[in-house]
Amino acid sequence: MYAFTLQTFQPEAHGTGQQLEPRWQKGRQFVLRHPSARQIPALLDKGSLTARLVSASGGDFKVKVLYQGWQRPRRSEARLLGMPERQMAIAREVALCCFDEPWVYARSILPVTTVTGRLRHLRKFDDSALGAMLFKDRSMHRTDYELADFRGLSTLLPSQLQHKQAGFGRRSCFFLDDKPLMVSEIFLDGFKA
């Protein structure tokens, strides 16, 4: 069971283990109701988080791939992407590390209908940053952020990234050639950008 703050948590069963998710809220509503979110200036930054981390670490940045494979997205992820509930997608989970310390956990969902044609190369993404590729694509546009707060001891995070402090997460949809993919990012204890 997740230990989320009461203000934003609404349980929702999803996926194969009936896990729970935080209640994602539109960015402006979240910030107005949660003044502590102002402590993280990067939370609503529309620029490349990858570029921000590379700059903050003086280039001592790397992507550690934790998982990449085909799976059914969580219910709220499928809804956000406008996918049929049982449709498969590529899920990619990574730790974005600065100075060999994980600062951000990122989960990307790429629907099977997105990784076709010119975007077929996304099926075999290596350990480079997806964000760097997204921001170079001239067809890219993105939706506004949805935000959530949660406690770090959450099964949303892989066991090696669990932490004790309350944290914040954000997610949005990117569109490449009008094909959607979702990126969610959870800021960890080490985040200093």
Protein backbone atom coordinates (compact mmCIF):
# COMPACT_ATOMS: atom_id res chain seq x y z
CA MET A 1 0.00 0.00 0.00
CA TYR A 2 1.20 3.48 -0.80
CA ALA A 3 1.67 6.18 1.80
CA PHE A 4 0.64 9.33 -0.04
CA THR A 5 -0.28 12.65 1.50
CA LEU A 6 -4.00 12.90 2.13
CA GLN A 7 -4.47 16.10 0.13
CA THR A 8 -3.65 14.52 -3.22
CA PHE A 9 -4.04 10.78 -2.82
CA GLN A 10 -7.08 9.03 -4.20
CA PRO A 11 -6.66 5.26 -4.49
CA GLU A 12 -7.11 3.77 -7.92
CA ALA A 13 -6.64 0.10 -8.69
CA HIS A 14 -4.70 -0.56 -11.85
CA GLY A 15 -2.59 -3.08 -13.64
CA THR A 16 -1.94 -6.63 -12.62
CA GLY A 17 -1.24 -6.38 -8.86
CA GLN A 18 -3.96 -3.89 -8.06
CA GLN A 19 -1.38 -1.25 -7.23
CA LEU A 20 -2.45 2.25 -6.27
CA GLU A 21 -1.48 5.50 -7.91
CA PRO A 22 -1.35 9.06 -6.66
CA ARG A 23 -4.02 11.46 -7.79
CA TRP A 24 -2.44 13.44 -10.59
CA GLN A 25 -3.58 17.08 -10.77
CA LYS A 26 -3.18 19.83 -13.34
CA GLY A 27 -0.01 21.79 -12.62
CA ARG A 28 -1.54 25.14 -11.70
CA GLN A 29 -4.12 23.60 -9.35
CA PHE A 30 -1.42 21.60 -7.61
CA VAL A 31 0.97 24.53 -7.07
CA LEU A 32 -1.79 26.78 -5.75
CA ARG A 33 -2.82 24.16 -3.20
CA HIS A 34 0.69 23.00 -2.29
CA PRO A 35 2.99 25.94 -1.53
CA SER A 36 5.87 23.58 -0.71
CA ALA A 37 5.99 22.65 -4.43
CA ARG A 38 7.55 26.09 -5.03
CA GLN A 39 10.72 24.72 -3.44
CA ILE A 40 11.34 22.76 -6.64
CA PRO A 41 11.74 25.31 -9.45
CA ALA A 42 12.32 22.55 -12.00
CA LEU A 43 8.88 21.06 -11.41
CA LEU A 44 7.10 23.29 -13.94
CA ASP A 45 10.09 24.05 -16.17
CA LYS A 46 9.10 23.39 -19.80
CA GLY A 47 12.69 22.93 -20.93
CA SER A 48 14.64 19.71 -21.14
CA LEU A 49 15.18 18.11 -17.74
CA THR A 50 18.09 16.19 -19.25
CA ALA A 51 19.81 19.46 -20.24
CA ARG A 52 19.13 20.86 -16.77
CA LEU A 53 20.70 17.82 -15.10
CA VAL A 54 23.72 17.84 -17.42
CA SER A 55 24.27 21.51 -16.56
CA ALA A 56 23.74 21.03 -12.80
CA SER A 57 26.24 18.16 -12.73
CA GLY A 58 28.85 19.82 -14.91
CA GLY A 59 28.41 16.96 -17.37
CA ASP A 60 28.71 14.16 -14.79
CA PHE A 61 25.35 12.72 -15.93
CA LYS A 62 24.26 9.28 -17.04
CA VAL A 63 21.11 7.29 -17.67
CA LYS A 64 20.76 3.94 -15.91
CA VAL A 65 18.11 1.77 -17.60
CA LEU A 66 16.19 -0.15 -14.93
CA TYR A 67 13.61 -1.79 -17.20
CA GLN A 68 12.52 -1.67 -20.82
CA GLY A 69 9.94 -3.96 -22.35
CA TRP A 70 6.39 -4.49 -23.53
CA GLN A 71 3.62 -4.27 -20.92
CA ARG A 72 0.14 -2.93 -20.33
CA PRO A 73 0.34 0.62 -19.01
CA ARG A 74 -1.25 1.57 -15.69
CA ARG A 75 -4.88 2.58 -16.05
CA SER A 76 -4.24 6.31 -15.59
CA GLU A 77 -1.36 6.18 -18.10
CA ALA A 78 -3.56 4.52 -20.73
CA ARG A 79 -6.27 7.12 -20.07
CA LEU A 80 -3.81 10.01 -20.41
CA LEU A 81 -2.56 8.60 -23.73
CA GLY A 82 -6.06 7.83 -25.03
CA MET A 83 -5.16 4.13 -25.34
CA PRO A 84 -7.54 1.19 -25.12
CA GLU A 85 -7.11 -0.27 -21.64
CA ARG A 86 -5.58 -3.59 -22.69
CA GLN A 87 -3.30 -2.28 -25.47
CA MET A 88 0.40 -2.99 -25.07
CA ALA A 89 3.10 -0.35 -24.96
CA ILE A 90 6.82 -0.11 -24.40
CA ALA A 91 7.52 0.88 -20.81
CA ARG A 92 10.95 2.31 -20.08
CA GLU A 93 12.10 3.02 -16.54
CA VAL A 94 15.38 4.79 -15.88
CA ALA A 95 17.31 6.52 -13.13
CA LEU A 96 18.77 9.86 -14.20
CA CYS A 97 22.01 10.08 -12.26
CA CYS A 98 24.32 12.97 -11.47
CA PHE A 99 27.66 12.30 -9.78
CA ASP A 100 26.66 8.58 -9.76
CA GLU A 101 23.66 9.38 -7.54
CA PRO A 102 20.06 8.96 -8.77
CA TRP A 103 18.34 12.35 -8.87
CA VAL A 104 15.23 11.49 -10.91
CA TYR A 105 13.27 8.32 -11.66
CA ALA A 106 11.61 8.49 -15.08
CA ARG A 107 8.99 6.18 -16.57
CA SER A 108 8.07 6.49 -20.24
CA ILE A 109 5.15 4.80 -21.99
CA LEU A 110 5.31 4.47 -25.78
CA PRO A 111 2.11 3.01 -27.29
CA VAL A 112 2.51 0.39 -30.00
CA THR A 113 0.84 2.83 -32.44
CA THR A 114 3.54 5.44 -31.72
CA VAL A 115 6.60 3.31 -32.46
CA THR A 116 5.86 2.92 -36.18
CA GLY A 117 7.20 4.55 -39.32
CA ARG A 118 9.97 7.06 -38.66
CA LEU A 119 9.59 6.51 -34.89
CA ARG A 120 10.20 2.76 -35.14
CA HIS A 121 13.75 3.29 -33.79
CA LEU A 122 12.21 4.03 -30.36
CA ARG A 123 11.52 0.30 -29.95
CA LYS A 124 15.23 -0.29 -29.31
CA PHE A 125 16.27 2.73 -27.27
CA ASP A 126 19.67 2.40 -25.58
CA ASP A 127 20.98 4.02 -22.41
CA SER A 128 20.93 7.53 -23.84
CA ALA A 129 18.42 10.07 -22.56
CA LEU A 130 15.00 10.01 -24.21
CA GLY A 131 14.58 13.70 -23.29
CA ALA A 132 17.59 14.70 -25.37
CA MET A 133 16.02 13.04 -28.43
CA LEU A 134 12.56 14.52 -27.78
CA PHE A 135 13.76 18.11 -27.62
CA LYS A 136 15.73 17.75 -30.88
CA ASP A 137 12.67 16.57 -32.83
CA ARG A 138 11.13 19.50 -34.73
CA SER A 139 7.66 17.90 -34.69
CA MET A 140 7.63 17.68 -30.85
CA HIS A 141 5.01 19.40 -28.76
CA ARG A 142 3.82 18.52 -25.26
CA THR A 143 0.82 18.85 -23.00
CA ASP A 144 0.76 20.73 -19.69
CA TYR A 145 2.07 18.89 -16.67
CA GLU A 146 0.08 16.85 -14.23
CA LEU A 147 1.66 16.81 -10.75
CA ALA A 148 1.43 14.61 -7.68
CA ASP A 149 3.07 14.46 -4.30
CA PHE A 150 3.82 11.25 -2.45
CA ARG A 151 6.02 9.68 0.17
CA GLY A 152 9.25 8.16 -1.11
CA LEU A 153 8.54 4.71 0.34
CA SER A 154 6.21 3.93 -2.52
CA THR A 155 5.94 0.89 -4.74
CA LEU A 156 5.80 3.29 -7.69
CA LEU A 157 9.56 3.50 -7.22
CA PRO A 158 11.88 0.55 -7.76
CA SER A 159 13.24 -0.73 -4.44
CA GLN A 160 16.74 0.63 -5.07
CA LEU A 161 15.33 4.18 -5.47
CA GLN A 162 13.04 4.31 -2.44
CA HIS A 163 13.68 7.23 -0.11
CA LYS A 164 12.24 8.58 3.12
CA GLN A 165 11.39 12.16 2.21
CA ALA A 166 8.13 13.27 0.62
CA GLY A 167 8.65 13.96 -3.04
CA PHE A 168 7.01 15.34 -6.12
CA GLY A 169 6.33 13.87 -9.52
CA ARG A 170 5.23 15.27 -12.84
CA ARG A 171 4.06 13.77 -16.10
CA SER A 172 3.03 14.97 -19.52
CA CYS A 173 2.42 13.66 -23.00
CA PHE A 174 4.81 14.42 -25.81
CA PHE A 175 3.71 14.24 -29.44
CA LEU A 176 6.10 13.36 -32.25
CA ASP A 177 4.46 13.51 -35.68
CA ASP A 178 1.21 13.77 -33.63
CA LYS A 179 1.88 10.35 -32.06
CA PRO A 180 1.76 10.35 -28.25
CA LEU A 181 4.13 9.07 -25.61
CA MET A 182 4.05 9.78 -21.89
CA VAL A 183 6.95 10.68 -19.62
CA SER A 184 6.61 10.78 -15.83
CA GLU A 185 9.44 11.97 -13.61
CA ILE A 186 9.75 11.57 -9.85
CA PHE A 187 12.28 13.83 -8.15
CA LEU A 188 14.34 11.88 -5.61
CA ASP A 189 16.14 12.93 -2.42
CA GLY A 190 19.36 13.59 -4.32
CA PHE A 191 17.78 16.10 -6.72
CA LYS A 192 19.60 19.43 -6.45
CA ALA A 193 19.09 21.08 -9.84
